[in-house]
């Protein structure tokens, strides 16, 4: 279950908020990941900044985000080489980001460099061909559920399981990078007024709202309300 707050972004103001967050002087690294369903280059684009307790999921299919607006956003984020971008075996992601960075689908020119390393993208897979799930198990000590990997990422609304999957794929990269010393473990500088465990109550609220998993008990609307109240109290 993700430990950070999940924010779905489906309009231009949300993209602007992500850019503002990543341009903070406190932001030295951000983990990213992509989901897609061919032939669309991207369906979602996830960002997990190191300095906030929040993971952003950009809904690339949203009609409120034009092709040009998405292109400008991708270029602005990935061409800022002052921030480390953490990926895992990012070659395929990079090809799709380059396709999405074109101002028009018919354009033959990408505004991102051909080599992801030129954009300060760091491959956490390294030189050994291993899966993300195996690295998570070895480094972080838990199993990463990959069942949603081949689900239909173009269907809206995304299911709660898909949102958790997409958020975790970015969130665990930040944890792996911290364990490996690629990025420093830094105190959270944004949302400082939040209790450090508030996001756990928010996550529990989302889990119990659809009654899964129920851990052997019948948990319903009253439980969701309880956890929502706790989240507000600790926020």
Protein backbone atom coordinates (compact mmCIF):
# COMPACT_ATOMS: atom_id res chain seq x y z
CA UNK A 1 0.00 0.00 0.00
CA UNK A 2 1.45 3.44 -0.90
CA UNK A 3 2.66 5.44 2.08
CA UNK A 4 2.34 8.79 0.33
CA UNK A 5 -0.74 10.78 -0.57
CA UNK A 6 -1.89 10.07 -4.15
CA UNK A 7 -2.89 13.09 -6.24
CA UNK A 8 -4.42 12.49 -9.67
CA UNK A 9 -3.69 15.36 -12.07
CA UNK A 10 -6.05 15.78 -15.03
CA UNK A 11 -5.83 19.46 -15.96
CA UNK A 12 -3.33 22.23 -16.72
CA UNK A 13 -3.43 23.73 -13.23
CA UNK A 14 -2.38 20.35 -11.86
CA UNK A 15 0.56 20.23 -14.27
CA UNK A 16 1.57 23.71 -13.12
CA UNK A 17 1.45 22.55 -9.51
CA UNK A 18 3.78 19.62 -10.28
CA UNK A 19 6.22 21.96 -12.03
CA UNK A 20 6.14 24.31 -9.06
CA UNK A 21 6.78 21.42 -6.67
CA UNK A 22 9.71 20.11 -8.71
CA UNK A 23 11.24 23.57 -9.07
CA UNK A 24 11.46 23.98 -5.28
CA UNK A 25 14.93 24.58 -3.90
CA UNK A 26 14.33 21.55 -1.65
CA UNK A 27 13.70 19.20 -4.58
CA UNK A 28 16.91 17.39 -5.44
CA UNK A 29 15.38 14.20 -6.87
CA UNK A 30 12.12 12.81 -8.22
CA UNK A 31 11.22 9.22 -9.06
CA UNK A 32 9.11 8.69 -12.18
CA UNK A 33 7.35 5.91 -14.03
CA UNK A 34 4.92 5.51 -16.93
CA UNK A 35 1.99 3.26 -17.75
CA UNK A 36 0.51 2.83 -21.22
CA UNK A 37 -1.73 0.84 -23.49
CA UNK A 38 -0.58 0.62 -27.10
CA UNK A 39 -0.84 2.32 -29.49
CA UNK A 40 -0.99 5.35 -27.15
CA UNK A 41 2.56 6.36 -26.09
CA UNK A 42 1.48 7.14 -22.52
CA UNK A 43 -1.64 6.66 -20.41
CA UNK A 44 -0.32 7.83 -17.06
CA UNK A 45 2.85 9.51 -15.87
CA UNK A 46 3.82 9.26 -12.20
CA UNK A 47 6.12 11.52 -10.15
CA UNK A 48 7.26 10.98 -6.57
CA UNK A 49 9.37 13.96 -5.38
CA UNK A 50 11.86 13.31 -2.59
CA UNK A 51 10.90 16.33 -0.50
CA UNK A 52 7.12 15.89 -0.15
CA UNK A 53 4.82 13.11 1.06
CA UNK A 54 2.89 13.03 -2.21
CA UNK A 55 2.87 11.07 -5.45
CA UNK A 56 1.38 12.67 -8.55
CA UNK A 57 -0.35 10.57 -11.22
CA UNK A 58 -0.85 12.54 -14.44
CA UNK A 59 -3.83 11.33 -16.45
CA UNK A 60 -2.40 11.73 -19.93
CA UNK A 61 -5.74 10.76 -21.50
CA UNK A 62 -7.60 13.70 -19.95
CA UNK A 63 -9.34 15.92 -22.52
CA UNK A 64 -8.45 18.90 -20.31
CA UNK A 65 -4.76 18.47 -21.21
CA UNK A 66 -3.92 19.22 -24.82
CA UNK A 67 -1.12 17.58 -26.76
CA UNK A 68 0.88 20.82 -26.72
CA UNK A 69 0.36 21.36 -22.98
CA UNK A 70 1.51 17.81 -22.21
CA UNK A 71 4.49 18.21 -24.52
CA UNK A 72 5.56 21.48 -22.87
CA UNK A 73 5.17 19.93 -19.42
CA UNK A 74 7.31 16.86 -20.25
CA UNK A 75 10.04 19.01 -21.78
CA UNK A 76 10.07 21.43 -18.83
CA UNK A 77 10.37 18.61 -16.28
CA UNK A 78 12.86 16.35 -18.00
CA UNK A 79 15.10 19.04 -19.45
CA UNK A 80 15.72 20.47 -15.98
CA UNK A 81 19.03 18.72 -15.30
CA UNK A 82 19.38 20.22 -11.81
CA UNK A 83 16.98 17.57 -10.50
CA UNK A 84 17.82 13.86 -10.53
CA UNK A 85 15.13 11.79 -12.26
CA UNK A 86 15.05 8.24 -10.90
CA UNK A 87 13.82 5.46 -13.17
CA UNK A 88 14.10 1.69 -13.43
CA UNK A 89 15.24 0.30 -16.78
CA UNK A 90 13.90 3.55 -18.30
CA UNK A 91 14.75 2.89 -21.96
CA UNK A 92 11.15 2.05 -22.92
CA UNK A 93 9.76 4.85 -20.76
CA UNK A 94 12.19 7.28 -22.38
CA UNK A 95 11.17 6.30 -25.92
CA UNK A 96 7.55 6.94 -25.04
CA UNK A 97 8.30 10.21 -23.27
CA UNK A 98 10.19 11.37 -26.36
CA UNK A 99 7.20 10.49 -28.52
CA UNK A 100 4.87 12.39 -26.17
CA UNK A 101 7.22 15.39 -26.14
CA UNK A 102 6.57 16.06 -29.83
CA UNK A 103 4.33 19.07 -30.29
CA UNK A 104 2.20 17.13 -32.82
CA UNK A 105 1.79 13.38 -33.42
CA UNK A 106 3.13 13.76 -36.96
CA UNK A 107 6.24 15.67 -35.91
CA UNK A 108 9.52 13.86 -36.48
CA UNK A 109 11.44 15.85 -33.89
CA UNK A 110 11.46 15.16 -30.15
CA UNK A 111 12.41 17.95 -27.80
CA UNK A 112 14.05 15.53 -25.37
CA UNK A 113 17.62 14.29 -25.86
CA UNK A 114 18.06 10.87 -27.45
CA UNK A 115 19.98 9.57 -24.42
CA UNK A 116 18.06 9.67 -21.14
CA UNK A 117 21.32 10.12 -19.21
CA UNK A 118 21.68 13.56 -20.84
CA UNK A 119 18.53 14.58 -18.96
CA UNK A 120 20.02 13.47 -15.61
CA UNK A 121 17.89 10.33 -15.57
CA UNK A 122 19.44 7.67 -13.33
CA UNK A 123 18.77 3.99 -14.04
CA UNK A 124 18.33 2.22 -10.70
CA UNK A 125 18.41 -1.18 -12.38
CA UNK A 126 22.11 -0.75 -13.04
CA UNK A 127 24.07 -3.15 -15.17
CA UNK A 128 22.31 -6.31 -13.95
CA UNK A 129 19.08 -7.44 -15.65
CA UNK A 130 16.77 -7.89 -12.68
CA UNK A 131 13.09 -7.09 -12.20
CA UNK A 132 11.80 -4.24 -10.07
CA UNK A 133 9.88 -6.73 -7.93
CA UNK A 134 13.06 -8.66 -7.11
CA UNK A 135 14.95 -5.46 -6.25
CA UNK A 136 12.09 -4.34 -3.99
CA UNK A 137 12.06 -7.74 -2.25
CA UNK A 138 15.83 -7.73 -1.73
CA UNK A 139 16.26 -4.04 -0.87
CA UNK A 140 13.03 -3.12 0.92
CA UNK A 141 11.90 -6.54 2.13
CA UNK A 142 8.36 -6.74 0.77
CA UNK A 143 6.56 -8.17 -2.24
CA UNK A 144 5.47 -5.79 -5.01
CA UNK A 145 2.12 -6.75 -6.51
CA UNK A 146 2.49 -6.56 -10.31
CA UNK A 147 -0.95 -7.90 -11.29
CA UNK A 148 -2.12 -4.53 -12.66
CA UNK A 149 0.85 -4.16 -14.98
CA UNK A 150 -1.01 -5.40 -18.05
CA UNK A 151 -4.41 -3.97 -17.17
CA UNK A 152 -6.15 -1.50 -19.48
CA UNK A 153 -4.58 1.85 -18.55
CA UNK A 154 -6.83 3.78 -20.94
CA UNK A 155 -10.11 2.90 -19.17
CA UNK A 156 -11.46 5.69 -16.97
CA UNK A 157 -11.89 5.97 -14.11
CA UNK A 158 -8.79 4.08 -13.05
CA UNK A 159 -9.49 1.51 -10.35
CA UNK A 160 -8.15 1.95 -6.82
CA UNK A 161 -5.83 -1.00 -7.47
CA UNK A 162 -4.42 0.68 -10.59
CA UNK A 163 -3.85 3.93 -8.70
CA UNK A 164 -2.04 2.08 -5.92
CA UNK A 165 0.04 0.15 -8.47
CA UNK A 166 1.01 3.28 -10.42
CA UNK A 167 1.87 5.23 -7.28
CA UNK A 168 3.92 2.40 -5.78
CA UNK A 169 5.99 1.93 -8.94
CA UNK A 170 7.31 5.46 -8.45
CA UNK A 171 7.34 5.49 -4.64
CA UNK A 172 9.51 2.38 -4.28
CA UNK A 173 12.11 3.85 -6.64
CA UNK A 174 12.70 6.69 -4.21
CA UNK A 175 13.07 4.22 -1.33
CA UNK A 176 15.52 2.09 -3.36
CA UNK A 177 17.56 5.16 -4.32
CA UNK A 178 17.75 6.20 -0.66
CA UNK A 179 18.88 2.71 0.38
CA UNK A 180 21.56 2.71 -2.31
CA UNK A 181 22.77 6.19 -1.39
CA UNK A 182 21.83 7.63 -4.79
CA UNK A 183 19.80 10.29 -2.97
CA UNK A 184 20.01 11.47 0.61
CA UNK A 185 17.26 10.82 3.09
CA UNK A 186 15.96 14.31 3.77
CA UNK A 187 13.25 15.61 6.12
CA UNK A 188 9.96 16.53 4.49
CA UNK A 189 9.90 20.28 3.89
CA UNK A 190 6.44 20.52 2.39
CA UNK A 191 3.15 19.83 4.17
CA UNK A 192 5.11 20.27 7.40
CA UNK A 193 1.95 20.71 9.44
CA UNK A 194 0.77 17.19 8.61
CA UNK A 195 1.20 14.52 11.25
CA UNK A 196 3.80 12.06 9.95
CA UNK A 197 1.26 9.21 9.95
CA UNK A 198 -1.69 11.13 8.46
CA UNK A 199 -1.14 9.59 5.02
CA UNK A 200 -1.55 6.11 6.51
CA UNK A 201 -5.03 6.95 7.74
CA UNK A 202 -5.91 8.43 4.34
CA UNK A 203 -4.71 5.26 2.62
CA UNK A 204 -6.72 3.07 5.02
CA UNK A 205 -9.78 5.16 4.27
CA UNK A 206 -9.39 4.50 0.53
CA UNK A 207 -8.81 0.79 1.10
CA UNK A 208 -11.83 0.19 3.29
CA UNK A 209 -14.17 2.26 1.16
CA UNK A 210 -14.37 -0.54 -1.39
CA UNK A 211 -14.17 -3.20 1.34
CA UNK A 212 -10.88 -4.70 0.10
CA UNK A 213 -8.84 -6.05 1.69
CA UNK A 214 -11.02 -6.74 4.72
CA UNK A 215 -8.48 -8.76 6.73
CA UNK A 216 -11.12 -11.26 7.86
CA UNK A 217 -13.62 -8.64 9.01
CA UNK A 218 -16.56 -7.00 7.34
CA UNK A 219 -15.47 -3.38 7.01
CA UNK A 220 -17.70 -0.86 5.28
CA UNK A 221 -18.77 2.76 5.12
CA UNK A 222 -18.52 3.39 8.86
CA UNK A 223 -14.88 2.26 8.85
CA UNK A 224 -14.09 4.51 5.90
CA UNK A 225 -15.64 7.43 7.78
CA UNK A 226 -13.60 6.60 10.88
CA UNK A 227 -10.31 6.62 9.01
CA UNK A 228 -11.26 9.80 7.13
CA UNK A 229 -11.91 11.49 10.49
CA UNK A 230 -8.54 10.31 11.80
CA UNK A 231 -6.83 11.67 8.68
CA UNK A 232 -8.38 15.09 9.27
CA UNK A 233 -7.50 15.05 12.96
CA UNK A 234 -3.90 14.18 12.34
CA UNK A 235 -3.52 16.37 9.23
